[in-house]
Amino acid sequence: MVPAAIANAVWDYFKTDRLPVLFLLYVAITALTRYLAVDSKELAVATIIAVTASILLLTLAVLVLQIAASRFTPANGHAASHVDVESEPAEIR
């Protein structure tokens, strides 16, 4: 599951010049949650707390990225991936 998700993220990066970080964070949260759900009976309390703290940290990272995307995305919804420095400057009126 995880290698396929990473391969999909790399494919998306080369196709769109954007790295889908949120998707990778969701995959990590899901993997840690599954690990916690399946192996919780055999895990030590310190390990359970560490995994839970990791899930919380990843969730906060998703929140920060979502807030940043909503604040810093241009009005047209598309972030500029390339800057054209050869074009003529816009005329000021």
PDB file of N, CA and C in Angstrom:
ATOM      1  N   MET A   1       0.825  -1.194   0.000  1.00  0.00           N
ATOM      2  CA  MET A   1       0.000   0.000   0.000  1.00  0.00           C
ATOM      3  C   MET A   1       0.865   1.252   0.000  1.00  0.00           C
ATOM      4  N   VAL A   2       1.830   1.327   0.894  1.00  0.00           N
ATOM      5  CA  VAL A   2       2.653   2.530   1.003  1.00  0.00           C
ATOM      6  C   VAL A   2       3.538   2.720  -0.232  1.00  0.00           C
ATOM      7  N   PRO A   3       4.219   1.677  -0.764  1.00  0.00           N
ATOM      8  CA  PRO A   3       5.003   1.905  -1.986  1.00  0.00           C
ATOM      9  C   PRO A   3       4.141   2.370  -3.163  1.00  0.00           C
ATOM     10  N   ALA A   4       2.928   1.855  -3.265  1.00  0.00           N
ATOM     11  CA  ALA A   4       2.036   2.293  -4.341  1.00  0.00           C
ATOM     12  C   ALA A   4       1.635   3.757  -4.149  1.00  0.00           C
ATOM     13  N   ALA A   5       1.425   4.170  -2.921  1.00  0.00           N
ATOM     14  CA  ALA A   5       1.074   5.566  -2.650  1.00  0.00           C
ATOM     15  C   ALA A   5       2.230   6.498  -2.976  1.00  0.00           C
ATOM     16  N   ILE A   6       3.440   6.075  -2.648  1.00  0.00           N
ATOM     17  CA  ILE A   6       4.615   6.900  -2.964  1.00  0.00           C
ATOM     18  C   ILE A   6       4.818   6.966  -4.476  1.00  0.00           C
ATOM     19  N   ALA A   7       4.655   5.850  -5.151  1.00  0.00           N
ATOM     20  CA  ALA A   7       4.781   5.847  -6.609  1.00  0.00           C
ATOM     21  C   ALA A   7       3.730   6.748  -7.245  1.00  0.00           C
ATOM     22  N   ASN A   8       2.519   6.725  -6.708  1.00  0.00           N
ATOM     23  CA  ASN A   8       1.456   7.587  -7.212  1.00  0.00           C
ATOM     24  C   ASN A   8       1.799   9.061  -6.988  1.00  0.00           C
ATOM     25  N   ALA A   9       2.372   9.399  -5.841  1.00  0.00           N
ATOM     26  CA  ALA A   9       2.759  10.778  -5.553  1.00  0.00           C
ATOM     27  C   ALA A   9       3.870  11.238  -6.495  1.00  0.00           C
ATOM     28  N   VAL A  10       4.831  10.377  -6.760  1.00  0.00           N
ATOM     29  CA  VAL A  10       5.909  10.726  -7.683  1.00  0.00           C
ATOM     30  C   VAL A  10       5.353  10.924  -9.091  1.00  0.00           C
ATOM     31  N   TRP A  11       4.443  10.059  -9.502  1.00  0.00           N
ATOM     32  CA  TRP A  11       3.809  10.190 -10.818  1.00  0.00           C
ATOM     33  C   TRP A  11       3.061  11.523 -10.912  1.00  0.00           C
ATOM     34  N   ASP A  12       2.303  11.871  -9.891  1.00  0.00           N
ATOM     35  CA  ASP A  12       1.587  13.142  -9.890  1.00  0.00           C
ATOM     36  C   ASP A  12       2.539  14.325  -9.954  1.00  0.00           C
ATOM     37  N   TYR A  13       3.677  14.212  -9.272  1.00  0.00           N
ATOM     38  CA  TYR A  13       4.657  15.301  -9.290  1.00  0.00           C
ATOM     39  C   TYR A  13       5.191  15.536 -10.701  1.00  0.00           C
ATOM     40  N   PHE A  14       5.564  14.478 -11.384  1.00  0.00           N
ATOM     41  CA  PHE A  14       6.104  14.642 -12.730  1.00  0.00           C
ATOM     42  C   PHE A  14       5.029  15.054 -13.728  1.00  0.00           C
ATOM     43  N   LYS A  15       3.790  14.708 -13.448  1.00  0.00           N
ATOM     44  CA  LYS A  15       2.703  15.056 -14.355  1.00  0.00           C
ATOM     45  C   LYS A  15       2.256  16.506 -14.171  1.00  0.00           C
ATOM     46  N   THR A  16       2.258  17.013 -12.936  1.00  0.00           N
ATOM     47  CA  THR A  16       1.687  18.330 -12.664  1.00  0.00           C
ATOM     48  C   THR A  16       2.664  19.335 -12.060  1.00  0.00           C
ATOM     49  N   ASP A  17       3.892  18.950 -11.782  1.00  0.00           N
ATOM     50  CA  ASP A  17       4.879  19.804 -11.108  1.00  0.00           C
ATOM     51  C   ASP A  17       4.438  20.209  -9.707  1.00  0.00           C
ATOM     52  N   ARG A  18       3.558  19.461  -9.102  1.00  0.00           N
ATOM     53  CA  ARG A  18       3.118  19.712  -7.724  1.00  0.00           C
ATOM     54  C   ARG A  18       3.251  18.421  -6.939  1.00  0.00           C
ATOM     55  N   LEU A  19       3.832  18.507  -5.758  1.00  0.00           N
ATOM     56  CA  LEU A  19       3.999  17.333  -4.917  1.00  0.00           C
ATOM     57  C   LEU A  19       2.803  17.223  -3.977  1.00  0.00           C
ATOM     58  N   PRO A  20       2.048  16.128  -4.052  1.00  0.00           N
ATOM     59  CA  PRO A  20       0.859  15.974  -3.204  1.00  0.00           C
ATOM     60  C   PRO A  20       1.223  15.582  -1.778  1.00  0.00           C
ATOM     61  N   VAL A  21       1.681  16.536  -1.008  1.00  0.00           N
ATOM     62  CA  VAL A  21       2.127  16.273   0.361  1.00  0.00           C
ATOM     63  C   VAL A  21       0.971  15.826   1.246  1.00  0.00           C
ATOM     64  N   LEU A  22      -0.191  16.444   1.066  1.00  0.00           N
ATOM     65  CA  LEU A  22      -1.342  16.065   1.893  1.00  0.00           C
ATOM     66  C   LEU A  22      -1.688  14.594   1.715  1.00  0.00           C
ATOM     67  N   PHE A  23      -1.628  14.118   0.493  1.00  0.00           N
ATOM     68  CA  PHE A  23      -1.923  12.713   0.235  1.00  0.00           C
ATOM     69  C   PHE A  23      -0.961  11.808   1.000  1.00  0.00           C
ATOM     70  N   LEU A  24       0.322  12.150   1.001  1.00  0.00           N
ATOM     71  CA  LEU A  24       1.300  11.338   1.722  1.00  0.00           C
ATOM     72  C   LEU A  24       1.076  11.405   3.233  1.00  0.00           C
ATOM     73  N   LEU A  25       0.670  12.565   3.731  1.00  0.00           N
ATOM     74  CA  LEU A  25       0.363  12.667   5.168  1.00  0.00           C
ATOM     75  C   LEU A  25      -0.856  11.816   5.526  1.00  0.00           C
ATOM     76  N   TYR A  26      -1.866  11.810   4.656  1.00  0.00           N
ATOM     77  CA  TYR A  26      -3.042  10.967   4.906  1.00  0.00           C
ATOM     78  C   TYR A  26      -2.655   9.486   4.918  1.00  0.00           C
ATOM     79  N   VAL A  27      -1.772   9.091   4.025  1.00  0.00           N
ATOM     80  CA  VAL A  27      -1.316   7.693   3.985  1.00  0.00           C
ATOM     81  C   VAL A  27      -0.577   7.344   5.273  1.00  0.00           C
ATOM     82  N   ALA A  28       0.273   8.258   5.754  1.00  0.00           N
ATOM     83  CA  ALA A  28       1.009   8.007   6.991  1.00  0.00           C
ATOM     84  C   ALA A  28       0.081   7.915   8.193  1.00  0.00           C
ATOM     85  N   ILE A  29      -0.910   8.794   8.254  1.00  0.00           N
ATOM     86  CA  ILE A  29      -1.879   8.751   9.356  1.00  0.00           C
ATOM     87  C   ILE A  29      -2.651   7.436   9.325  1.00  0.00           C
ATOM     88  N   THR A  30      -3.059   7.022   8.137  1.00  0.00           N
ATOM     89  CA  THR A  30      -3.799   5.765   8.004  1.00  0.00           C
ATOM     90  C   THR A  30      -2.938   4.572   8.407  1.00  0.00           C
ATOM     91  N   ALA A  31      -1.672   4.564   7.994  1.00  0.00           N
ATOM     92  CA  ALA A  31      -0.780   3.448   8.334  1.00  0.00           C
ATOM     93  C   ALA A  31      -0.559   3.374   9.843  1.00  0.00           C
ATOM     94  N   LEU A  32      -0.332   4.519  10.483  1.00  0.00           N
ATOM     95  CA  LEU A  32      -0.134   4.511  11.938  1.00  0.00           C
ATOM     96  C   LEU A  32      -1.408   4.100  12.682  1.00  0.00           C
ATOM     97  N   THR A  33      -2.548   4.536  12.180  1.00  0.00           N
ATOM     98  CA  THR A  33      -3.813   4.158  12.817  1.00  0.00           C
ATOM     99  C   THR A  33      -4.053   2.652  12.701  1.00  0.00           C
ATOM    100  N   ARG A  34      -3.775   2.095  11.529  1.00  0.00           N
ATOM    101  CA  ARG A  34      -3.921   0.644  11.356  1.00  0.00           C
ATOM    102  C   ARG A  34      -2.952  -0.117  12.259  1.00  0.00           C
ATOM    103  N   TYR A  35      -1.728   0.376  12.343  1.00  0.00           N
ATOM    104  CA  TYR A  35      -0.731  -0.252  13.220  1.00  0.00           C
ATOM    105  C   TYR A  35      -1.216  -0.240  14.666  1.00  0.00           C
ATOM    106  N   LEU A  36      -1.756   0.879  15.079  1.00  0.00           N
ATOM    107  CA  LEU A  36      -2.251   1.008  16.448  1.00  0.00           C
ATOM    108  C   LEU A  36      -3.465   0.102  16.685  1.00  0.00           C
ATOM    109  N   ALA A  37      -4.343   0.017  15.712  1.00  0.00           N
ATOM    110  CA  ALA A  37      -5.553  -0.793  15.876  1.00  0.00           C
ATOM    111  C   ALA A  37      -5.251  -2.288  15.887  1.00  0.00           C
ATOM    112  N   VAL A  38      -4.316  -2.715  15.072  1.00  0.00           N
ATOM    113  CA  VAL A  38      -4.039  -4.150  14.947  1.00  0.00           C
ATOM    114  C   VAL A  38      -3.140  -4.648  16.075  1.00  0.00           C
ATOM    115  N   ASP A  39      -2.106  -3.881  16.419  1.00  0.00           N
ATOM    116  CA  ASP A  39      -1.101  -4.362  17.370  1.00  0.00           C
ATOM    117  C   ASP A  39      -1.203  -3.741  18.759  1.00  0.00           C
ATOM    118  N   SER A  40      -2.301  -3.140  19.082  1.00  0.00           N
ATOM    119  CA  SER A  40      -2.379  -2.420  20.362  1.00  0.00           C
ATOM    120  C   SER A  40      -2.272  -3.344  21.573  1.00  0.00           C
ATOM    121  N   LYS A  41      -2.667  -4.607  21.444  1.00  0.00           N
ATOM    122  CA  LYS A  41      -2.601  -5.512  22.599  1.00  0.00           C
ATOM    123  C   LYS A  41      -1.171  -5.921  22.920  1.00  0.00           C
ATOM    124  N   GLU A  42      -0.310  -5.959  21.915  1.00  0.00           N
ATOM    125  CA  GLU A  42       1.071  -6.369  22.137  1.00  0.00           C
ATOM    126  C   GLU A  42       2.016  -5.196  22.383  1.00  0.00           C
ATOM    127  N   LEU A  43       1.559  -3.981  22.201  1.00  0.00           N
ATOM    128  CA  LEU A  43       2.432  -2.817  22.325  1.00  0.00           C
ATOM    129  C   LEU A  43       2.545  -2.345  23.769  1.00  0.00           C
ATOM    130  N   ALA A  44       3.697  -1.795  24.085  1.00  0.00           N
ATOM    131  CA  ALA A  44       3.894  -1.190  25.403  1.00  0.00           C
ATOM    132  C   ALA A  44       3.173   0.152  25.449  1.00  0.00           C
ATOM    133  N   VAL A  45       2.880   0.600  26.642  1.00  0.00           N
ATOM    134  CA  VAL A  45       2.150   1.858  26.807  1.00  0.00           C
ATOM    135  C   VAL A  45       2.939   3.022  26.209  1.00  0.00           C
ATOM    136  N   ALA A  46       4.249   3.023  26.367  1.00  0.00           N
ATOM    137  CA  ALA A  46       5.075   4.097  25.810  1.00  0.00           C
ATOM    138  C   ALA A  46       4.994   4.123  24.283  1.00  0.00           C
ATOM    139  N   THR A  47       4.939   2.953  23.669  1.00  0.00           N
ATOM    140  CA  THR A  47       4.828   2.879  22.211  1.00  0.00           C
ATOM    141  C   THR A  47       3.471   3.388  21.748  1.00  0.00           C
ATOM    142  N   ILE A  48       2.421   3.038  22.465  1.00  0.00           N
ATOM    143  CA  ILE A  48       1.078   3.516  22.118  1.00  0.00           C
ATOM    144  C   ILE A  48       1.018   5.036  22.211  1.00  0.00           C
ATOM    145  N   ILE A  49       1.614   5.584  23.250  1.00  0.00           N
ATOM    146  CA  ILE A  49       1.627   7.041  23.413  1.00  0.00           C
ATOM    147  C   ILE A  49       2.446   7.694  22.298  1.00  0.00           C
ATOM    148  N   ALA A  50       3.577   7.093  21.926  1.00  0.00           N
ATOM    149  CA  ALA A  50       4.415   7.649  20.861  1.00  0.00           C
ATOM    150  C   ALA A  50       3.700   7.622  19.516  1.00  0.00           C
ATOM    151  N   VAL A  51       3.030   6.522  19.208  1.00  0.00           N
ATOM    152  CA  VAL A  51       2.298   6.424  17.941  1.00  0.00           C
ATOM    153  C   VAL A  51       1.132   7.410  17.927  1.00  0.00           C
ATOM    154  N   THR A  52       0.433   7.535  19.039  1.00  0.00           N
ATOM    155  CA  THR A  52      -0.676   8.488  19.122  1.00  0.00           C
ATOM    156  C   THR A  52      -0.176   9.923  18.970  1.00  0.00           C
ATOM    157  N   ALA A  53       0.955  10.230  19.582  1.00  0.00           N
ATOM    158  CA  ALA A  53       1.538  11.570  19.430  1.00  0.00           C
ATOM    159  C   ALA A  53       1.963  11.810  17.979  1.00  0.00           C
ATOM    160  N   SER A  54       2.455  10.791  17.313  1.00  0.00           N
ATOM    161  CA  SER A  54       2.826  10.919  15.900  1.00  0.00           C
ATOM    162  C   SER A  54       1.613  11.206  15.031  1.00  0.00           C
ATOM    163  N   ILE A  55       0.515  10.519  15.310  1.00  0.00           N
ATOM    164  CA  ILE A  55      -0.727  10.766  14.573  1.00  0.00           C
ATOM    165  C   ILE A  55      -1.200  12.195  14.807  1.00  0.00           C
ATOM    166  N   LEU A  56      -1.129  12.658  16.042  1.00  0.00           N
ATOM    167  CA  LEU A  56      -1.526  14.028  16.355  1.00  0.00           C
ATOM    168  C   LEU A  56      -0.633  15.037  15.629  1.00  0.00           C
ATOM    169  N   LEU A  57       0.666  14.791  15.607  1.00  0.00           N
ATOM    170  CA  LEU A  57       1.593  15.693  14.925  1.00  0.00           C
ATOM    171  C   LEU A  57       1.321  15.742  13.422  1.00  0.00           C
ATOM    172  N   LEU A  58       1.082  14.592  12.816  1.00  0.00           N
ATOM    173  CA  LEU A  58       0.756  14.562  11.393  1.00  0.00           C
ATOM    174  C   LEU A  58      -0.565  15.261  11.104  1.00  0.00           C
ATOM    175  N   THR A  59      -1.533  15.116  12.002  1.00  0.00           N
ATOM    176  CA  THR A  59      -2.817  15.785  11.835  1.00  0.00           C
ATOM    177  C   THR A  59      -2.656  17.298  11.924  1.00  0.00           C
ATOM    178  N   LEU A  60      -1.815  17.757  12.837  1.00  0.00           N
ATOM    179  CA  LEU A  60      -1.543  19.193  12.924  1.00  0.00           C
ATOM    180  C   LEU A  60      -0.827  19.695  11.669  1.00  0.00           C
ATOM    181  N   ALA A  61       0.046  18.881  11.093  1.00  0.00           N
ATOM    182  CA  ALA A  61       0.711  19.257   9.849  1.00  0.00           C
ATOM    183  C   ALA A  61      -0.298  19.395   8.712  1.00  0.00           C
ATOM    184  N   VAL A  62      -1.272  18.494   8.660  1.00  0.00           N
ATOM    185  CA  VAL A  62      -2.330  18.601   7.656  1.00  0.00           C
ATOM    186  C   VAL A  62      -3.127  19.884   7.855  1.00  0.00           C
ATOM    187  N   LEU A  63      -3.442  20.198   9.094  1.00  0.00           N
ATOM    188  CA  LEU A  63      -4.186  21.425   9.398  1.00  0.00           C
ATOM    189  C   LEU A  63      -3.411  22.661   8.958  1.00  0.00           C
ATOM    190  N   VAL A  64      -2.126  22.712   9.264  1.00  0.00           N
ATOM    191  CA  VAL A  64      -1.299  23.864   8.876  1.00  0.00           C
ATOM    192  C   VAL A  64      -1.234  23.992   7.355  1.00  0.00           C
ATOM    193  N   LEU A  65      -1.060  22.883   6.658  1.00  0.00           N
ATOM    194  CA  LEU A  65      -1.000  22.934   5.199  1.00  0.00           C
ATOM    195  C   LEU A  65      -2.332  23.357   4.586  1.00  0.00           C
ATOM    196  N   GLN A  66      -3.443  22.903   5.172  1.00  0.00           N
ATOM    197  CA  GLN A  66      -4.761  23.308   4.666  1.00  0.00           C
ATOM    198  C   GLN A  66      -4.992  24.805   4.866  1.00  0.00           C
ATOM    199  N   ILE A  67      -4.608  25.313   6.036  1.00  0.00           N
ATOM    200  CA  ILE A  67      -4.768  26.745   6.309  1.00  0.00           C
ATOM    201  C   ILE A  67      -3.871  27.554   5.369  1.00  0.00           C
ATOM    202  N   ALA A  68      -2.631  27.123   5.194  1.00  0.00           N
ATOM    203  CA  ALA A  68      -1.716  27.829   4.299  1.00  0.00           C
ATOM    204  C   ALA A  68      -2.222  27.811   2.864  1.00  0.00           C
ATOM    205  N   ALA A  69      -2.769  26.696   2.432  1.00  0.00           N
ATOM    206  CA  ALA A  69      -3.290  26.607   1.066  1.00  0.00           C
ATOM    207  C   ALA A  69      -4.484  27.531   0.871  1.00  0.00           C
ATOM    208  N   SER A  70      -5.326  27.640   1.887  1.00  0.00           N
ATOM    209  CA  SER A  70      -6.500  28.505   1.737  1.00  0.00           C
ATOM    210  C   SER A  70      -6.123  29.979   1.791  1.00  0.00           C
ATOM    211  N   ARG A  71      -5.079  30.326   2.507  1.00  0.00           N
ATOM    212  CA  ARG A  71      -4.681  31.730   2.617  1.00  0.00           C
ATOM    213  C   ARG A  71      -3.811  32.198   1.464  1.00  0.00           C
ATOM    214  N   PHE A  72      -2.964  31.331   0.942  1.00  0.00           N
ATOM    215  CA  PHE A  72      -1.972  31.759  -0.028  1.00  0.00           C
ATOM    216  C   PHE A  72      -2.238  31.295  -1.451  1.00  0.00           C
ATOM    217  N   THR A  73      -3.375  30.679  -1.727  1.00  0.00           N
ATOM    218  CA  THR A  73      -3.728  30.309  -3.081  1.00  0.00           C
ATOM    219  C   THR A  73      -4.338  31.524  -3.764  1.00  0.00           C
ATOM    220  N   PRO A  74      -3.923  31.822  -4.995  1.00  0.00           N
ATOM    221  CA  PRO A  74      -4.482  32.977  -5.696  1.00  0.00           C
ATOM    222  C   PRO A  74      -5.981  32.835  -5.915  1.00  0.00           C
ATOM    223  N   ALA A  75      -6.627  33.934  -6.271  1.00  0.00           N
ATOM    224  CA  ALA A  75      -8.084  33.959  -6.427  1.00  0.00           C
ATOM    225  C   ALA A  75      -8.564  33.012  -7.518  1.00  0.00           C
ATOM    226  N   ASN A  76      -7.742  32.775  -8.556  1.00  0.00           N
ATOM    227  CA  ASN A  76      -8.164  31.870  -9.624  1.00  0.00           C
ATOM    228  C   ASN A  76      -8.034  30.403  -9.239  1.00  0.00           C
ATOM    229  N   GLY A  77      -7.416  30.123  -8.095  1.00  0.00           N
ATOM    230  CA  GLY A  77      -7.320  28.757  -7.608  1.00  0.00           C
ATOM    231  C   GLY A  77      -6.125  27.983  -8.102  1.00  0.00           C
ATOM    232  N   HIS A  78      -5.329  28.583  -8.969  1.00  0.00           N
ATOM    233  CA  HIS A  78      -4.162  27.901  -9.510  1.00  0.00           C
ATOM    234  C   HIS A  78      -2.903  28.627  -9.082  1.00  0.00           C
ATOM    235  N   ALA A  79      -2.027  27.918  -8.431  1.00  0.00           N
ATOM    236  CA  ALA A  79      -0.752  28.510  -8.044  1.00  0.00           C
ATOM    237  C   ALA A  79       0.181  28.479  -9.249  1.00  0.00           C
ATOM    238  N   ALA A  80       0.935  29.518  -9.429  1.00  0.00           N
ATOM    239  CA  ALA A  80       1.870  29.578 -10.546  1.00  0.00           C
ATOM    240  C   ALA A  80       3.054  28.652 -10.269  1.00  0.00           C
ATOM    241  N   SER A  81       3.305  27.724 -11.185  1.00  0.00           N
ATOM    242  CA  SER A  81       4.422  26.816 -10.990  1.00  0.00           C
ATOM    243  C   SER A  81       5.673  27.303 -11.706  1.00  0.00           C
ATOM    244  N   HIS A  82       5.489  28.157 -12.701  1.00  0.00           N
ATOM    245  CA  HIS A  82       6.619  28.697 -13.441  1.00  0.00           C
ATOM    246  C   HIS A  82       6.450  30.195 -13.585  1.00  0.00           C
ATOM    247  N   VAL A  83       7.542  30.913 -13.489  1.00  0.00           N
ATOM    248  CA  VAL A  83       7.504  32.360 -13.653  1.00  0.00           C
ATOM    249  C   VAL A  83       8.131  32.685 -14.993  1.00  0.00           C
ATOM    250  N   ASP A  84       7.425  33.441 -15.806  1.00  0.00           N
ATOM    251  CA  ASP A  84       7.915  33.818 -17.121  1.00  0.00           C
ATOM    252  C   ASP A  84       8.662  35.131 -17.002  1.00  0.00           C
ATOM    253  N   VAL A  85       9.990  35.083 -16.990  1.00  0.00           N
ATOM    254  CA  VAL A  85      10.782  36.294 -16.832  1.00  0.00           C
ATOM    255  C   VAL A  85      11.083  36.960 -18.165  1.00  0.00           C
ATOM    256  N   GLU A  86      10.776  36.284 -19.260  1.00  0.00           N
ATOM    257  CA  GLU A  86      11.050  36.840 -20.574  1.00  0.00           C
ATOM    258  C   GLU A  86       9.934  37.722 -21.106  1.00  0.00           C
ATOM    259  N   SER A  87       8.763  37.654 -20.537  1.00  0.00           N
ATOM    260  CA  SER A  87       7.633  38.412 -21.063  1.00  0.00           C
ATOM    261  C   SER A  87       7.767  39.878 -20.728  1.00  0.00           C
ATOM    262  N   GLU A  88       7.075  40.684 -21.484  1.00  0.00           N
ATOM    263  CA  GLU A  88       7.079  42.138 -21.269  1.00  0.00           C
ATOM    264  C   GLU A  88       6.300  42.448 -20.013  1.00  0.00           C
ATOM    265  N   PRO A  89       6.756  43.459 -19.246  1.00  0.00           N
ATOM    266  CA  PRO A  89       6.004  43.836 -18.052  1.00  0.00           C
ATOM    267  C   PRO A  89       4.651  44.438 -18.433  1.00  0.00           C
ATOM    268  N   ALA A  90       3.688  44.291 -17.559  1.00  0.00           N
ATOM    269  CA  ALA A  90       2.361  44.830 -17.797  1.00  0.00           C
ATOM    270  C   ALA A  90       2.409  46.340 -17.799  1.00  0.00           C
ATOM    271  N   GLU A  91       1.590  46.923 -18.630  1.00  0.00           N
ATOM    272  CA  GLU A  91       1.543  48.378 -18.715  1.00  0.00           C
ATOM    273  C   GLU A  91       0.813  48.947 -17.516  1.00  0.00           C
ATOM    274  N   ILE A  92       1.388  49.947 -16.887  1.00  0.00           N
ATOM    275  CA  ILE A  92       0.776  50.575 -15.721  1.00  0.00           C
ATOM    276  C   ILE A  92      -0.061  51.745 -16.174  1.00  0.00           C
ATOM    277  N   ARG A  93      -1.309  51.783 -15.752  1.00  0.00           N
ATOM    278  CA  ARG A  93      -2.210  52.865 -16.150  1.00  0.00           C
ATOM    279  C   ARG A  93      -2.472  53.782 -15.009  1.00  0.00           C
TER     280      ARG A  93
END
